[in-house]
Amino acid sequence: MESRVAKLEALAESTDKRLSLVETDLRSLSAKLDKYFLLGIAAIVGLAGLIAKGFGWL
């Protein structure tokens, strides 16, 4: 019985480590997506300004 509990404890520890790695990866991915989202918004606004200027709306 003790060997089974020891295996479960080892499995729980490895699962905890893997979950912490997943959390870290998700945080870094979220930060990258935020950066690219803002860059995309800036590009769209800039392109809209160029189009408006070209059509004489501004």
Protein backbone atom coordinates (compact mmCIF):
# COMPACT_ATOMS: atom_id res chain seq x y z
CA MET A 1 0.00 0.00 0.00
CA GLU A 2 2.83 2.40 0.84
CA SER A 3 4.46 1.88 -2.55
CA ARG A 4 1.22 2.81 -4.28
CA VAL A 5 0.93 5.98 -2.21
CA ALA A 6 4.55 6.83 -3.00
CA LYS A 7 3.84 6.44 -6.72
CA LEU A 8 0.81 8.71 -6.43
CA GLU A 9 2.83 11.32 -4.55
CA ALA A 10 5.55 11.23 -7.23
CA LEU A 11 2.90 11.58 -9.92
CA ALA A 12 1.35 14.55 -8.10
CA GLU A 13 4.74 16.27 -7.83
CA SER A 14 5.53 15.79 -11.52
CA THR A 15 2.05 17.02 -12.45
CA ASP A 16 2.57 20.12 -10.33
CA LYS A 17 5.88 20.85 -12.06
CA ARG A 18 4.34 20.39 -15.51
CA LEU A 19 1.42 22.66 -14.63
CA SER A 20 3.77 25.39 -13.50
CA LEU A 21 5.62 25.12 -16.83
CA VAL A 22 2.32 25.40 -18.71
CA GLU A 23 1.39 28.48 -16.67
CA THR A 24 4.72 30.09 -17.50
CA ASP A 25 4.31 29.34 -21.20
CA LEU A 26 0.78 30.74 -21.23
CA ARG A 27 1.89 33.95 -19.54
CA SER A 28 4.67 34.51 -22.08
CA LEU A 29 2.31 33.71 -24.96
CA SER A 30 -0.26 36.14 -23.59
CA ALA A 31 2.34 38.90 -23.36
CA LYS A 32 3.43 38.29 -26.97
CA LEU A 33 -0.16 38.30 -28.21
CA ASP A 34 -0.86 41.57 -26.40
CA LYS A 35 2.17 43.13 -28.07
CA TYR A 36 1.17 41.95 -31.55
CA PHE A 37 -2.44 42.98 -31.01
CA LEU A 38 -1.41 46.54 -30.20
CA LEU A 39 0.97 46.56 -33.16
CA GLY A 40 -1.85 45.39 -35.43
CA ILE A 41 -4.22 48.06 -34.14
CA ALA A 42 -1.58 50.74 -34.76
CA ALA A 43 -1.03 49.45 -38.30
CA ILE A 44 -4.77 49.48 -39.04
CA VAL A 45 -5.18 53.02 -37.71
CA GLY A 46 -2.17 54.18 -39.73
CA LEU A 47 -3.47 52.55 -42.90
CA ALA A 48 -6.92 54.05 -42.35
CA GLY A 49 -5.27 57.47 -41.99
CA LEU A 50 -3.36 57.02 -45.24
CA ILE A 51 -6.52 55.97 -47.06
CA ALA A 52 -8.46 58.92 -45.64
CA LYS A 53 -5.66 61.27 -46.66
CA GLY A 54 -5.57 59.76 -50.15
CA PHE A 55 -9.30 60.27 -50.65
CA GLY A 56 -9.09 63.79 -49.30
CA TRP A 57 -11.19 63.12 -46.24
CA LEU A 58 -8.58 64.65 -43.96
